Amino acid sequence: MNGMNKRTRGARGFTLIELVTVIVILGILSAVALPVYLDYRNDAKKAACKGALGAMRAAVANYYAYSATDSGGGTAAYPTLAVFNTANAVMAQAIPDNPYDTDATKNNVEVGVTKGTLVAGGAGGWAYRAATGEVWPNTNVAGEKDF
């Protein structure tokens, strides 16, 4: 019996209270870290959307300026929706992805009627107004539709 007590006293390990304390601390840390992570994810989406918009708006402005030259036809005009969607007509590469797009079709560009609203049902992608050359996200995400 005496040998048994020596072995039990010498055993090392964590008590249940210590383990529960560590689990509670980890739970508190994750509860604090999760909202911060979600904010970073939203900020990244917003930055990607703004970057893509900047590229498309610059491409439309370049098309407009080029169309006013003799090489471009001599009459300043914004690209039509068909020309805007054509590869290498307005942009050197394909239309960039909208990070807020939720449908299966990527890079879809819809006819823009009202800026700041979801203009084409649930299509997502981008909205473009050929009369003025405006491009904006086709989204109903609060705060992200008015870029």
N, C-alpha and C. Protein backbone atom coordinates (compact mmCIF):
# COMPACT_ATOMS: atom_id res chain seq x y z
N MET A 1 0.82 -1.19 0.00
CA MET A 1 0.00 0.00 0.00
C MET A 1 0.87 1.24 0.00
N ASN A 2 1.97 1.17 0.74
CA ASN A 2 2.86 2.29 0.84
C ASN A 2 3.48 2.63 -0.52
N GLY A 3 3.80 1.63 -1.32
CA GLY A 3 4.36 1.86 -2.66
C GLY A 3 3.35 2.50 -3.59
N MET A 4 2.09 2.21 -3.38
CA MET A 4 1.04 2.77 -4.21
C MET A 4 0.89 4.28 -3.97
N ASN A 5 0.98 4.70 -2.72
CA ASN A 5 0.87 6.12 -2.41
C ASN A 5 2.04 6.91 -2.98
N LYS A 6 3.20 6.33 -2.96
CA LYS A 6 4.37 7.02 -3.53
C LYS A 6 4.17 7.24 -5.03
N ARG A 7 3.64 6.25 -5.70
CA ARG A 7 3.44 6.37 -7.15
C ARG A 7 2.37 7.42 -7.45
N THR A 8 1.31 7.48 -6.70
CA THR A 8 0.24 8.45 -6.92
C THR A 8 0.72 9.86 -6.63
N ARG A 9 1.48 10.02 -5.59
CA ARG A 9 1.98 11.35 -5.25
C ARG A 9 2.98 11.86 -6.28
N GLY A 10 3.73 10.99 -6.86
CA GLY A 10 4.74 11.40 -7.84
C GLY A 10 4.17 11.62 -9.24
N ALA A 11 2.94 11.20 -9.51
CA ALA A 11 2.35 11.36 -10.83
C ALA A 11 2.10 12.84 -11.11
N ARG A 12 2.42 13.22 -12.31
CA ARG A 12 2.24 14.62 -12.67
C ARG A 12 1.18 14.72 -13.76
N GLY A 13 0.43 15.81 -13.76
CA GLY A 13 -0.61 16.03 -14.75
C GLY A 13 -1.39 17.28 -14.39
N PHE A 14 -2.42 17.56 -15.17
CA PHE A 14 -3.24 18.74 -14.93
C PHE A 14 -4.52 18.33 -14.23
N THR A 15 -4.98 19.19 -13.36
CA THR A 15 -6.26 18.94 -12.71
C THR A 15 -7.38 19.40 -13.63
N LEU A 16 -8.57 18.97 -13.33
CA LEU A 16 -9.73 19.36 -14.14
C LEU A 16 -9.95 20.87 -14.10
N ILE A 17 -9.72 21.49 -12.98
CA ILE A 17 -9.88 22.95 -12.86
C ILE A 17 -8.91 23.68 -13.77
N GLU A 18 -7.68 23.21 -13.83
CA GLU A 18 -6.68 23.84 -14.69
C GLU A 18 -7.07 23.71 -16.16
N LEU A 19 -7.53 22.55 -16.56
CA LEU A 19 -7.95 22.35 -17.96
C LEU A 19 -9.15 23.22 -18.31
N VAL A 20 -10.13 23.31 -17.44
CA VAL A 20 -11.30 24.14 -17.69
C VAL A 20 -10.90 25.61 -17.78
N THR A 21 -9.97 26.03 -16.94
CA THR A 21 -9.50 27.42 -16.97
C THR A 21 -8.85 27.75 -18.31
N VAL A 22 -8.02 26.84 -18.80
CA VAL A 22 -7.37 27.06 -20.09
C VAL A 22 -8.40 27.11 -21.21
N ILE A 23 -9.39 26.25 -21.19
CA ILE A 23 -10.43 26.24 -22.23
C ILE A 23 -11.23 27.53 -22.20
N VAL A 24 -11.54 28.03 -21.02
CA VAL A 24 -12.29 29.29 -20.90
C VAL A 24 -11.45 30.44 -21.45
N ILE A 25 -10.18 30.47 -21.13
CA ILE A 25 -9.30 31.54 -21.64
C ILE A 25 -9.22 31.49 -23.16
N LEU A 26 -9.07 30.29 -23.73
CA LEU A 26 -9.04 30.16 -25.19
C LEU A 26 -10.36 30.60 -25.82
N GLY A 27 -11.46 30.29 -25.18
CA GLY A 27 -12.77 30.74 -25.68
C GLY A 27 -12.89 32.25 -25.69
N ILE A 28 -12.41 32.89 -24.64
CA ILE A 28 -12.47 34.36 -24.57
C ILE A 28 -11.58 34.98 -25.65
N LEU A 29 -10.38 34.43 -25.83
CA LEU A 29 -9.48 34.96 -26.87
C LEU A 29 -10.07 34.80 -28.26
N SER A 30 -10.71 33.65 -28.54
CA SER A 30 -11.30 33.47 -29.87
C SER A 30 -12.51 34.37 -30.06
N ALA A 31 -13.26 34.64 -29.00
CA ALA A 31 -14.41 35.54 -29.11
C ALA A 31 -13.96 36.97 -29.42
N VAL A 32 -12.80 37.35 -28.95
CA VAL A 32 -12.26 38.68 -29.23
C VAL A 32 -11.64 38.73 -30.62
N ALA A 33 -10.99 37.65 -31.05
CA ALA A 33 -10.26 37.65 -32.32
C ALA A 33 -11.17 37.48 -33.53
N LEU A 34 -12.29 36.78 -33.40
CA LEU A 34 -13.15 36.51 -34.54
C LEU A 34 -13.72 37.78 -35.19
N PRO A 35 -14.27 38.73 -34.44
CA PRO A 35 -14.75 39.95 -35.10
C PRO A 35 -13.64 40.74 -35.79
N VAL A 36 -12.45 40.72 -35.23
CA VAL A 36 -11.33 41.42 -35.87
C VAL A 36 -11.00 40.76 -37.20
N TYR A 37 -11.00 39.43 -37.23
CA TYR A 37 -10.74 38.70 -38.47
C TYR A 37 -11.81 39.02 -39.52
N LEU A 38 -13.06 39.06 -39.11
CA LEU A 38 -14.14 39.35 -40.06
C LEU A 38 -14.01 40.77 -40.61
N ASP A 39 -13.56 41.71 -39.78
CA ASP A 39 -13.33 43.07 -40.27
C ASP A 39 -12.23 43.09 -41.32
N TYR A 40 -11.17 42.32 -41.11
CA TYR A 40 -10.09 42.25 -42.10
C TYR A 40 -10.59 41.68 -43.41
N ARG A 41 -11.45 40.68 -43.33
CA ARG A 41 -11.99 40.07 -44.53
C ARG A 41 -12.85 41.07 -45.30
N ASN A 42 -13.69 41.83 -44.60
CA ASN A 42 -14.52 42.84 -45.25
C ASN A 42 -13.67 43.96 -45.84
N ASP A 43 -12.62 44.36 -45.13
CA ASP A 43 -11.73 45.39 -45.66
C ASP A 43 -11.03 44.92 -46.92
N ALA A 44 -10.65 43.65 -46.97
CA ALA A 44 -10.00 43.11 -48.16
C ALA A 44 -10.96 43.08 -49.34
N LYS A 45 -12.21 42.72 -49.10
CA LYS A 45 -13.20 42.73 -50.18
C LYS A 45 -13.41 44.15 -50.71
N LYS A 46 -13.50 45.08 -49.78
CA LYS A 46 -13.72 46.47 -50.17
C LYS A 46 -12.54 46.99 -50.99
N ALA A 47 -11.32 46.69 -50.58
CA ALA A 47 -10.13 47.13 -51.31
C ALA A 47 -10.07 46.49 -52.70
N ALA A 48 -10.40 45.20 -52.80
CA ALA A 48 -10.40 44.53 -54.09
C ALA A 48 -11.45 45.13 -55.02
N CYS A 49 -12.60 45.47 -54.47
CA CYS A 49 -13.67 46.07 -55.27
C CYS A 49 -13.25 47.45 -55.77
N LYS A 50 -12.66 48.24 -54.88
CA LYS A 50 -12.22 49.58 -55.29
C LYS A 50 -11.11 49.51 -56.33
N GLY A 51 -10.20 48.55 -56.18
CA GLY A 51 -9.13 48.39 -57.16
C GLY A 51 -9.66 48.01 -58.53
N ALA A 52 -10.61 47.07 -58.56
CA ALA A 52 -11.21 46.66 -59.83
C ALA A 52 -11.99 47.81 -60.46
N LEU A 53 -12.71 48.57 -59.64
CA LEU A 53 -13.45 49.73 -60.16
C LEU A 53 -12.50 50.76 -60.74
N GLY A 54 -11.39 51.01 -60.07
CA GLY A 54 -10.41 51.97 -60.57
C GLY A 54 -9.87 51.56 -61.93
N ALA A 55 -9.58 50.28 -62.08
CA ALA A 55 -9.07 49.78 -63.36
C ALA A 55 -10.11 49.93 -64.47
N MET A 56 -11.37 49.58 -64.16
CA MET A 56 -12.41 49.68 -65.19
C MET A 56 -12.71 51.14 -65.55
N ARG A 57 -12.75 51.99 -64.54
CA ARG A 57 -13.02 53.41 -64.82
C ARG A 57 -11.89 54.04 -65.63
N ALA A 58 -10.65 53.67 -65.33
CA ALA A 58 -9.52 54.18 -66.11
C ALA A 58 -9.59 53.67 -67.55
N ALA A 59 -9.97 52.40 -67.72
CA ALA A 59 -10.09 51.85 -69.07
C ALA A 59 -11.18 52.56 -69.87
N VAL A 60 -12.30 52.87 -69.23
CA VAL A 60 -13.38 53.59 -69.91
C VAL A 60 -12.91 55.00 -70.28
N ALA A 61 -12.20 55.66 -69.38
CA ALA A 61 -11.69 57.00 -69.67
C ALA A 61 -10.68 56.97 -70.82
N ASN A 62 -9.82 55.95 -70.84
CA ASN A 62 -8.87 55.82 -71.95
C ASN A 62 -9.58 55.56 -73.27
N TYR A 63 -10.61 54.73 -73.25
CA TYR A 63 -11.39 54.47 -74.46
C TYR A 63 -12.03 55.76 -74.97
N TYR A 64 -12.60 56.52 -74.05
CA TYR A 64 -13.25 57.78 -74.40
C TYR A 64 -12.24 58.75 -75.03
N ALA A 65 -11.08 58.87 -74.41
CA ALA A 65 -10.05 59.77 -74.94
C ALA A 65 -9.54 59.29 -76.29
N TYR A 66 -9.34 57.99 -76.44
CA TYR A 66 -8.85 57.45 -77.70
C TYR A 66 -9.88 57.63 -78.81
N SER A 67 -11.17 57.47 -78.48
CA SER A 67 -12.20 57.62 -79.51
C SER A 67 -12.28 59.04 -80.05
N ALA A 68 -11.79 60.02 -79.30
CA ALA A 68 -11.81 61.41 -79.76
C ALA A 68 -10.67 61.72 -80.72
N THR A 69 -9.65 60.85 -80.80
CA THR A 69 -8.53 61.09 -81.71
C THR A 69 -8.88 60.64 -83.12
N ASP A 70 -8.05 61.05 -84.08
CA ASP A 70 -8.28 60.63 -85.46
C ASP A 70 -8.18 59.12 -85.60
N SER A 71 -7.26 58.49 -84.85
CA SER A 71 -7.11 57.03 -84.91
C SER A 71 -8.32 56.31 -84.35
N GLY A 72 -9.00 56.93 -83.41
CA GLY A 72 -10.15 56.31 -82.77
C GLY A 72 -11.47 56.64 -83.41
N GLY A 73 -11.49 57.42 -84.44
CA GLY A 73 -12.74 57.74 -85.12
C GLY A 73 -13.07 59.22 -85.11
N GLY A 74 -12.45 59.99 -84.25
CA GLY A 74 -12.65 61.43 -84.24
C GLY A 74 -13.83 61.92 -83.43
N THR A 75 -14.65 61.04 -82.89
CA THR A 75 -15.80 61.44 -82.09
C THR A 75 -15.70 60.79 -80.72
N ALA A 76 -15.66 61.62 -79.70
CA ALA A 76 -15.56 61.08 -78.34
C ALA A 76 -16.85 60.35 -77.97
N ALA A 77 -16.71 59.11 -77.54
CA ALA A 77 -17.87 58.30 -77.16
C ALA A 77 -17.44 57.26 -76.14
N TYR A 78 -18.34 56.97 -75.22
CA TYR A 78 -18.09 55.90 -74.26
C TYR A 78 -18.39 54.57 -74.94
N PRO A 79 -17.74 53.49 -74.49
CA PRO A 79 -18.02 52.18 -75.11
C PRO A 79 -19.44 51.71 -74.79
N THR A 80 -20.04 51.02 -75.73
CA THR A 80 -21.35 50.42 -75.49
C THR A 80 -21.17 49.23 -74.55
N LEU A 81 -22.26 48.69 -74.06
CA LEU A 81 -22.18 47.55 -73.17
C LEU A 81 -21.53 46.36 -73.87
N ALA A 82 -21.86 46.16 -75.14
CA ALA A 82 -21.27 45.05 -75.90
C ALA A 82 -19.77 45.23 -76.04
N VAL A 83 -19.33 46.44 -76.35
CA VAL A 83 -17.90 46.72 -76.49
C VAL A 83 -17.20 46.60 -75.14
N PHE A 84 -17.86 47.07 -74.09
CA PHE A 84 -17.28 46.99 -72.75
C PHE A 84 -17.04 45.54 -72.34
N ASN A 85 -17.94 44.64 -72.73
CA ASN A 85 -17.81 43.22 -72.39
C ASN A 85 -16.86 42.46 -73.31
N THR A 86 -16.46 43.05 -74.43
CA THR A 86 -15.59 42.38 -75.38
C THR A 86 -14.15 42.40 -74.87
N ALA A 87 -13.52 41.24 -74.89
CA ALA A 87 -12.14 41.14 -74.42
C ALA A 87 -11.21 41.97 -75.31
N ASN A 88 -10.31 42.69 -74.72
CA ASN A 88 -9.29 43.52 -75.37
C ASN A 88 -9.85 44.72 -76.13
N ALA A 89 -11.12 45.04 -75.93
CA ALA A 89 -11.68 46.22 -76.58
C ALA A 89 -11.52 47.44 -75.68
N VAL A 90 -11.85 47.32 -74.43
CA VAL A 90 -11.74 48.41 -73.48
C VAL A 90 -10.61 48.11 -72.49
N MET A 91 -10.63 46.92 -71.94
CA MET A 91 -9.60 46.51 -70.98
C MET A 91 -8.65 45.53 -71.65
N ALA A 92 -7.38 45.60 -71.28
CA ALA A 92 -6.38 44.71 -71.86
C ALA A 92 -6.65 43.26 -71.47
N GLN A 93 -7.23 43.06 -70.31
CA GLN A 93 -7.57 41.71 -69.87
C GLN A 93 -9.07 41.63 -69.64
N ALA A 94 -9.51 40.53 -69.10
CA ALA A 94 -10.94 40.35 -68.85
C ALA A 94 -11.43 41.28 -67.75
N ILE A 95 -12.74 41.46 -67.69
CA ILE A 95 -13.35 42.26 -66.63
C ILE A 95 -12.98 41.61 -65.29
N PRO A 96 -12.50 42.39 -64.32
CA PRO A 96 -12.12 41.79 -63.03
C PRO A 96 -13.32 41.31 -62.24
N ASP A 97 -13.06 40.40 -61.32
CA ASP A 97 -14.12 39.84 -60.48
C ASP A 97 -14.60 40.87 -59.47
N ASN A 98 -15.90 40.87 -59.23
CA ASN A 98 -16.47 41.66 -58.14
C ASN A 98 -16.50 40.75 -56.91
N PRO A 99 -15.79 41.12 -55.83
CA PRO A 99 -15.76 40.24 -54.66
C PRO A 99 -17.10 40.09 -53.97
N TYR A 100 -18.07 40.95 -54.27
CA TYR A 100 -19.39 40.86 -53.67
C TYR A 100 -20.36 40.08 -54.55
N ASP A 101 -19.89 39.56 -55.67
CA ASP A 101 -20.73 38.81 -56.60
C ASP A 101 -21.11 37.48 -55.96
N THR A 102 -22.40 37.16 -55.95
CA THR A 102 -22.86 35.94 -55.30
C THR A 102 -23.44 34.92 -56.27
N ASP A 103 -23.59 35.26 -57.54
CA ASP A 103 -24.16 34.29 -58.46
C ASP A 103 -23.06 33.44 -59.09
N ALA A 104 -23.46 32.49 -59.91
CA ALA A 104 -22.50 31.55 -60.49
C ALA A 104 -21.71 32.16 -61.64
N THR A 105 -22.23 33.20 -62.28
CA THR A 105 -21.56 33.82 -63.42
C THR A 105 -20.63 34.92 -62.94
N LYS A 106 -19.34 34.75 -63.19
CA LYS A 106 -18.37 35.77 -62.79
C LYS A 106 -18.31 36.87 -63.85
N ASN A 107 -17.96 38.06 -63.43
CA ASN A 107 -17.67 39.19 -64.31
C ASN A 107 -18.85 39.62 -65.17
N ASN A 108 -20.07 39.37 -64.75
CA ASN A 108 -21.20 39.82 -65.55
C ASN A 108 -21.39 41.32 -65.36
N VAL A 109 -21.64 41.99 -66.47
CA VAL A 109 -21.86 43.43 -66.46
C VAL A 109 -23.28 43.67 -66.93
N GLU A 110 -24.05 44.34 -66.11
CA GLU A 110 -25.46 44.62 -66.41
C GLU A 110 -25.61 46.08 -66.78
N VAL A 111 -26.71 46.40 -67.43
CA VAL A 111 -27.02 47.78 -67.78
C VAL A 111 -27.38 48.51 -66.50
N GLY A 112 -26.65 49.57 -66.19
CA GLY A 112 -26.89 50.31 -64.96
C GLY A 112 -27.95 51.37 -65.14
N VAL A 113 -28.95 51.33 -64.30
CA VAL A 113 -30.01 52.33 -64.35
C VAL A 113 -29.92 53.28 -63.17
N THR A 114 -29.82 52.72 -61.97
CA THR A 114 -29.79 53.54 -60.77
C THR A 114 -28.57 53.19 -59.95
N LYS A 115 -27.70 54.14 -59.74
CA LYS A 115 -26.50 53.90 -58.95
C LYS A 115 -26.87 53.80 -57.48
N GLY A 116 -26.23 52.87 -56.78
CA GLY A 116 -26.47 52.73 -55.35
C GLY A 116 -27.56 51.75 -54.99
N THR A 117 -28.08 51.02 -55.98
CA THR A 117 -29.08 49.99 -55.70
C THR A 117 -28.70 48.74 -56.47
N LEU A 118 -29.32 47.63 -56.14
CA LEU A 118 -29.12 46.42 -56.92
C LEU A 118 -29.93 46.59 -58.20
N VAL A 119 -29.25 46.81 -59.31
CA VAL A 119 -29.94 47.24 -60.52
C VAL A 119 -30.44 46.09 -61.39
N ALA A 120 -29.93 44.89 -61.17
CA ALA A 120 -30.31 43.79 -62.05
C ALA A 120 -30.67 42.55 -61.25
N GLY A 121 -31.65 42.67 -60.38
CA GLY A 121 -32.08 41.52 -59.59
C GLY A 121 -30.95 41.02 -58.71
N GLY A 122 -30.71 39.73 -58.73
CA GLY A 122 -29.65 39.14 -57.93
C GLY A 122 -28.43 38.80 -58.75
N ALA A 123 -28.26 39.44 -59.91
CA ALA A 123 -27.19 39.05 -60.83
C ALA A 123 -25.80 39.31 -60.27
N GLY A 124 -25.63 40.35 -59.50
CA GLY A 124 -24.31 40.67 -58.99
C GLY A 124 -23.40 41.18 -60.09
N GLY A 125 -22.10 41.14 -59.87
CA GLY A 125 -21.15 41.62 -60.87
C GLY A 125 -21.03 43.13 -60.85
N TRP A 126 -21.10 43.72 -62.03
CA TRP A 126 -20.92 45.16 -62.20
C TRP A 126 -22.10 45.76 -62.93
N ALA A 127 -22.30 47.05 -62.74
CA ALA A 127 -23.31 47.80 -63.49
C ALA A 127 -22.57 48.86 -64.30
N TYR A 128 -23.03 49.09 -65.53
CA TYR A 128 -22.38 50.04 -66.43
C TYR A 128 -23.43 50.87 -67.13
N ARG A 129 -23.24 52.18 -67.14
CA ARG A 129 -24.12 53.10 -67.86
C ARG A 129 -23.34 53.65 -69.04
N ALA A 130 -23.68 53.20 -70.25
CA ALA A 130 -22.93 53.56 -71.45
C ALA A 130 -23.06 55.03 -71.81
N ALA A 131 -24.14 55.67 -71.44
CA ALA A 131 -24.35 57.08 -71.79
C ALA A 131 -23.35 58.00 -71.09
N THR A 132 -22.94 57.61 -69.88
CA THR A 132 -22.04 58.46 -69.10
C THR A 132 -20.71 57.80 -68.79
N GLY A 133 -20.57 56.51 -69.08
CA GLY A 133 -19.33 55.80 -68.81
C GLY A 133 -19.15 55.42 -67.35
N GLU A 134 -20.22 55.48 -66.55
CA GLU A 134 -20.12 55.14 -65.13
C GLU A 134 -20.11 53.63 -64.92
N VAL A 135 -19.28 53.19 -63.97
CA VAL A 135 -19.21 51.78 -63.59
C VAL A 135 -19.30 51.74 -62.07
N TRP A 136 -20.09 50.81 -61.55
CA TRP A 136 -20.17 50.64 -60.10
C TRP A 136 -20.54 49.20 -59.78
N PRO A 137 -20.35 48.78 -58.52
CA PRO A 137 -20.71 47.40 -58.15
C PRO A 137 -22.21 47.19 -58.21
N ASN A 138 -22.61 46.08 -58.75
CA ASN A 138 -24.02 45.71 -58.81
C ASN A 138 -24.32 44.88 -57.57
N THR A 139 -24.45 45.57 -56.45
CA THR A 139 -24.61 44.88 -55.17
C THR A 139 -25.58 45.64 -54.29
N ASN A 140 -26.12 44.95 -53.31
CA ASN A 140 -26.97 45.61 -52.33
C ASN A 140 -26.33 45.56 -50.95
N VAL A 141 -25.03 45.30 -50.87
CA VAL A 141 -24.31 45.27 -49.60
C VAL A 141 -24.22 46.70 -49.08
N ALA A 142 -24.71 46.92 -47.88
CA ALA A 142 -24.73 48.28 -47.32
C ALA A 142 -23.33 48.85 -47.24
N GLY A 143 -23.16 50.06 -47.76
CA GLY A 143 -21.89 50.75 -47.72
C GLY A 143 -20.95 50.38 -48.85
N GLU A 144 -21.26 49.33 -49.60
CA GLU A 144 -20.36 48.89 -50.67
C GLU A 144 -20.96 49.15 -52.05
N LYS A 145 -22.15 49.69 -52.09
CA LYS A 145 -22.81 49.89 -53.38
C LYS A 145 -22.61 51.28 -53.94
N ASP A 146 -22.00 52.17 -53.18
CA ASP A 146 -21.91 53.57 -53.59
C ASP A 146 -20.50 54.02 -53.96
N PHE A 147 -19.62 53.07 -54.29
CA PHE A 147 -18.24 53.46 -54.64
C PHE A 147 -18.24 54.37 -55.84
